[in-house]
């Protein structure tokens, strides 16, 4: 059975270390990502890698600590799904900052490894204002 904690820990560690290769190793070649920011979608590991590179570059000297909460996962032999709240904590020399949004991962077995084949991050939108919001921490 998949070790959910190991996958999420590897994700968080790769982001904290700004290690693009380590993060992209968690994804399938044909991954589809619906990110909450900038583009409507990213199709394929190469396209997602370009977005991750921009993100890590934009962080500059800041570090990003990620924690996953309220995790729920269901798997069978070859596919699985995971949903969670993901908390992003930016660590900066000037000030710390944070936000929490939602993440859903579709996973697929490739050999003995589980890879992310779909990632969807989102923020809810207030119906009355059309403005997105994050969970208060």
C-alpha atoms as a PDB file:
ATOM      1  CA  UNK A   1       0.000   0.000   0.000  1.00  0.00           C
ATOM      2  CA  UNK A   2       1.113   3.541  -0.707  1.00  0.00           C
ATOM      3  CA  UNK A   3       2.628   5.499   2.129  1.00  0.00           C
ATOM      4  CA  UNK A   4       0.699   8.764   1.903  1.00  0.00           C
ATOM      5  CA  UNK A   5       2.903  10.464   4.457  1.00  0.00           C
ATOM      6  CA  UNK A   6       6.046   9.649   2.467  1.00  0.00           C
ATOM      7  CA  UNK A   7       4.616  11.164  -0.728  1.00  0.00           C
ATOM      8  CA  UNK A   8       3.456  14.329   1.028  1.00  0.00           C
ATOM      9  CA  UNK A   9       6.732  14.614   2.946  1.00  0.00           C
ATOM     10  CA  UNK A  10       8.708  14.308  -0.311  1.00  0.00           C
ATOM     11  CA  UNK A  11       6.526  17.034  -1.858  1.00  0.00           C
ATOM     12  CA  UNK A  12       7.019  19.351   1.122  1.00  0.00           C
ATOM     13  CA  UNK A  13      10.762  18.683   1.291  1.00  0.00           C
ATOM     14  CA  UNK A  14      11.247  19.364  -2.425  1.00  0.00           C
ATOM     15  CA  UNK A  15       9.411  22.686  -2.128  1.00  0.00           C
ATOM     16  CA  UNK A  16      11.323  23.714   0.998  1.00  0.00           C
ATOM     17  CA  UNK A  17      14.626  22.913  -0.721  1.00  0.00           C
ATOM     18  CA  UNK A  18      13.433  24.459  -4.019  1.00  0.00           C
ATOM     19  CA  UNK A  19      14.510  21.224  -5.706  1.00  0.00           C
ATOM     20  CA  UNK A  20      12.709  21.177  -9.047  1.00  0.00           C
ATOM     21  CA  UNK A  21      13.993  17.733 -10.048  1.00  0.00           C
ATOM     22  CA  UNK A  22      12.955  16.188  -6.731  1.00  0.00           C
ATOM     23  CA  UNK A  23       9.476  17.704  -6.989  1.00  0.00           C
ATOM     24  CA  UNK A  24       8.956  16.754 -10.639  1.00  0.00           C
ATOM     25  CA  UNK A  25      10.032  13.171  -9.889  1.00  0.00           C
ATOM     26  CA  UNK A  26       6.703  12.842  -8.061  1.00  0.00           C
ATOM     27  CA  UNK A  27       4.694  13.471 -11.264  1.00  0.00           C
ATOM     28  CA  UNK A  28       3.784  11.426 -14.340  1.00  0.00           C
ATOM     29  CA  UNK A  29       5.020  12.646 -17.726  1.00  0.00           C
ATOM     30  CA  UNK A  30       1.424  13.371 -18.794  1.00  0.00           C
ATOM     31  CA  UNK A  31       0.368  15.155 -15.596  1.00  0.00           C
ATOM     32  CA  UNK A  32      -2.422  17.720 -15.802  1.00  0.00           C
ATOM     33  CA  UNK A  33      -2.253  20.505 -13.213  1.00  0.00           C
ATOM     34  CA  UNK A  34      -5.034  22.970 -12.467  1.00  0.00           C
ATOM     35  CA  UNK A  35      -3.181  25.445 -10.271  1.00  0.00           C
ATOM     36  CA  UNK A  36      -4.955  28.156  -8.282  1.00  0.00           C
ATOM     37  CA  UNK A  37      -2.664  30.837  -9.722  1.00  0.00           C
ATOM     38  CA  UNK A  38      -1.684  32.295 -13.094  1.00  0.00           C
ATOM     39  CA  UNK A  39      -2.548  29.746 -15.803  1.00  0.00           C
ATOM     40  CA  UNK A  40      -5.771  27.869 -16.426  1.00  0.00           C
ATOM     41  CA  UNK A  41      -3.874  24.576 -16.723  1.00  0.00           C
ATOM     42  CA  UNK A  42      -0.502  22.960 -17.273  1.00  0.00           C
ATOM     43  CA  UNK A  43      -0.360  19.837 -19.424  1.00  0.00           C
ATOM     44  CA  UNK A  44       2.686  17.622 -19.103  1.00  0.00           C
ATOM     45  CA  UNK A  45       5.615  17.512 -16.730  1.00  0.00           C
ATOM     46  CA  UNK A  46       7.656  19.959 -18.838  1.00  0.00           C
ATOM     47  CA  UNK A  47       4.958  22.654 -18.705  1.00  0.00           C
ATOM     48  CA  UNK A  48       4.458  22.146 -14.977  1.00  0.00           C
ATOM     49  CA  UNK A  49       8.227  22.240 -14.471  1.00  0.00           C
ATOM     50  CA  UNK A  50       8.405  25.693 -16.080  1.00  0.00           C
ATOM     51  CA  UNK A  51       5.739  26.947 -13.669  1.00  0.00           C
ATOM     52  CA  UNK A  52       7.534  25.422 -10.678  1.00  0.00           C
ATOM     53  CA  UNK A  53      10.797  27.014 -11.796  1.00  0.00           C
ATOM     54  CA  UNK A  54       9.097  30.453 -11.938  1.00  0.00           C
ATOM     55  CA  UNK A  55       7.603  29.877  -8.492  1.00  0.00           C
ATOM     56  CA  UNK A  56      10.934  28.911  -6.948  1.00  0.00           C
ATOM     57  CA  UNK A  57      12.689  31.826  -8.685  1.00  0.00           C
ATOM     58  CA  UNK A  58      10.027  34.263  -7.463  1.00  0.00           C
ATOM     59  CA  UNK A  59      10.642  33.077  -3.900  1.00  0.00           C
ATOM     60  CA  UNK A  60      14.176  34.466  -4.100  1.00  0.00           C
ATOM     61  CA  UNK A  61      15.858  33.852  -0.747  1.00  0.00           C
ATOM     62  CA  UNK A  62      12.548  33.063   0.952  1.00  0.00           C
ATOM     63  CA  UNK A  63      11.780  29.495   1.950  1.00  0.00           C
ATOM     64  CA  UNK A  64       8.373  27.828   1.695  1.00  0.00           C
ATOM     65  CA  UNK A  65       7.300  25.358   4.356  1.00  0.00           C
ATOM     66  CA  UNK A  66       4.300  23.205   3.414  1.00  0.00           C
ATOM     67  CA  UNK A  67       2.095  21.192   5.725  1.00  0.00           C
ATOM     68  CA  UNK A  68      -0.887  19.066   4.755  1.00  0.00           C
ATOM     69  CA  UNK A  69      -3.931  18.881   7.024  1.00  0.00           C
ATOM     70  CA  UNK A  70      -7.322  17.164   6.920  1.00  0.00           C
ATOM     71  CA  UNK A  71      -5.902  14.558   4.543  1.00  0.00           C
ATOM     72  CA  UNK A  72      -8.264  11.996   3.052  1.00  0.00           C
ATOM     73  CA  UNK A  73      -7.119   9.305   0.610  1.00  0.00           C
ATOM     74  CA  UNK A  74      -8.638   6.348  -1.216  1.00  0.00           C
ATOM     75  CA  UNK A  75      -6.703   3.869  -3.351  1.00  0.00           C
ATOM     76  CA  UNK A  76      -7.104   0.632  -5.214  1.00  0.00           C
ATOM     77  CA  UNK A  77      -4.334  -1.362  -6.892  1.00  0.00           C
ATOM     78  CA  UNK A  78      -3.448   1.157  -9.622  1.00  0.00           C
ATOM     79  CA  UNK A  79      -5.117   4.527  -9.006  1.00  0.00           C
ATOM     80  CA  UNK A  80      -5.913   6.682  -6.038  1.00  0.00           C
ATOM     81  CA  UNK A  81      -7.045  10.071  -4.917  1.00  0.00           C
ATOM     82  CA  UNK A  82      -6.114  12.372  -2.092  1.00  0.00           C
ATOM     83  CA  UNK A  83      -7.612  15.608  -0.833  1.00  0.00           C
ATOM     84  CA  UNK A  84      -6.229  17.918   1.826  1.00  0.00           C
ATOM     85  CA  UNK A  85      -5.822  21.431   3.041  1.00  0.00           C
ATOM     86  CA  UNK A  86      -2.340  22.631   2.206  1.00  0.00           C
ATOM     87  CA  UNK A  87      -0.738  25.333   4.330  1.00  0.00           C
ATOM     88  CA  UNK A  88       2.026  27.409   2.753  1.00  0.00           C
ATOM     89  CA  UNK A  89       4.276  29.234   5.210  1.00  0.00           C
ATOM     90  CA  UNK A  90       6.702  31.665   3.612  1.00  0.00           C
ATOM     91  CA  UNK A  91       9.818  32.283   5.645  1.00  0.00           C
ATOM     92  CA  UNK A  92      11.543  35.562   4.850  1.00  0.00           C
ATOM     93  CA  UNK A  93      14.212  37.752   6.422  1.00  0.00           C
ATOM     94  CA  UNK A  94      11.704  40.638   6.348  1.00  0.00           C
ATOM     95  CA  UNK A  95       8.506  38.919   7.455  1.00  0.00           C
ATOM     96  CA  UNK A  96       6.776  35.595   7.451  1.00  0.00           C
ATOM     97  CA  UNK A  97       3.581  35.079   5.470  1.00  0.00           C
ATOM     98  CA  UNK A  98       1.148  32.242   4.990  1.00  0.00           C
ATOM     99  CA  UNK A  99      -1.980  30.971   3.316  1.00  0.00           C
ATOM    100  CA  UNK A 100      -4.034  27.810   3.243  1.00  0.00           C
ATOM    101  CA  UNK A 101      -5.808  26.468   0.188  1.00  0.00           C
ATOM    102  CA  UNK A 102      -7.160  23.140  -1.015  1.00  0.00           C
ATOM    103  CA  UNK A 103      -5.434  20.411  -2.987  1.00  0.00           C
ATOM    104  CA  UNK A 104      -6.678  17.292  -4.722  1.00  0.00           C
ATOM    105  CA  UNK A 105      -4.231  14.773  -6.164  1.00  0.00           C
ATOM    106  CA  UNK A 106      -4.971  11.980  -8.593  1.00  0.00           C
ATOM    107  CA  UNK A 107      -2.307   9.289  -8.346  1.00  0.00           C
ATOM    108  CA  UNK A 108      -1.381   6.433 -10.639  1.00  0.00           C
ATOM    109  CA  UNK A 109       0.894   3.471 -10.056  1.00  0.00           C
ATOM    110  CA  UNK A 110       3.888   3.340 -12.393  1.00  0.00           C
ATOM    111  CA  UNK A 111       5.758   0.139 -11.653  1.00  0.00           C
ATOM    112  CA  UNK A 112       6.303   0.105  -7.908  1.00  0.00           C
ATOM    113  CA  UNK A 113       6.000   3.895  -7.581  1.00  0.00           C
ATOM    114  CA  UNK A 114       2.971   6.108  -7.131  1.00  0.00           C
ATOM    115  CA  UNK A 115       3.051   9.301  -9.191  1.00  0.00           C
ATOM    116  CA  UNK A 116       0.843  12.379  -9.293  1.00  0.00           C
ATOM    117  CA  UNK A 117      -1.104  12.297 -12.562  1.00  0.00           C
ATOM    118  CA  UNK A 118      -3.420  15.182 -11.690  1.00  0.00           C
ATOM    119  CA  UNK A 119      -3.104  18.073  -9.251  1.00  0.00           C
ATOM    120  CA  UNK A 120      -5.809  20.619  -8.573  1.00  0.00           C
ATOM    121  CA  UNK A 121      -5.347  23.473  -6.130  1.00  0.00           C
ATOM    122  CA  UNK A 122      -8.142  25.888  -5.419  1.00  0.00           C
ATOM    123  CA  UNK A 123      -9.439  28.688  -3.291  1.00  0.00           C
ATOM    124  CA  UNK A 124     -13.136  29.163  -2.618  1.00  0.00           C
ATOM    125  CA  UNK A 125     -14.807  32.247  -4.103  1.00  0.00           C
ATOM    126  CA  UNK A 126     -17.400  34.304  -2.251  1.00  0.00           C
ATOM    127  CA  UNK A 127     -20.568  34.281  -4.319  1.00  0.00           C
ATOM    128  CA  UNK A 128     -21.504  37.840  -3.340  1.00  0.00           C
ATOM    129  CA  UNK A 129     -18.169  39.467  -4.220  1.00  0.00           C
ATOM    130  CA  UNK A 130     -16.428  37.099  -6.622  1.00  0.00           C
ATOM    131  CA  UNK A 131     -13.318  37.347  -4.435  1.00  0.00           C
ATOM    132  CA  UNK A 132     -11.314  34.288  -3.465  1.00  0.00           C
ATOM    133  CA  UNK A 133     -10.382  33.695   0.133  1.00  0.00           C
ATOM    134  CA  UNK A 134      -8.188  31.384   2.167  1.00  0.00           C
ATOM    135  CA  UNK A 135      -8.773  29.677   5.476  1.00  0.00           C
ATOM    136  CA  UNK A 136      -7.826  31.777   8.469  1.00  0.00           C
ATOM    137  CA  UNK A 137      -4.987  30.181  10.375  1.00  0.00           C
END
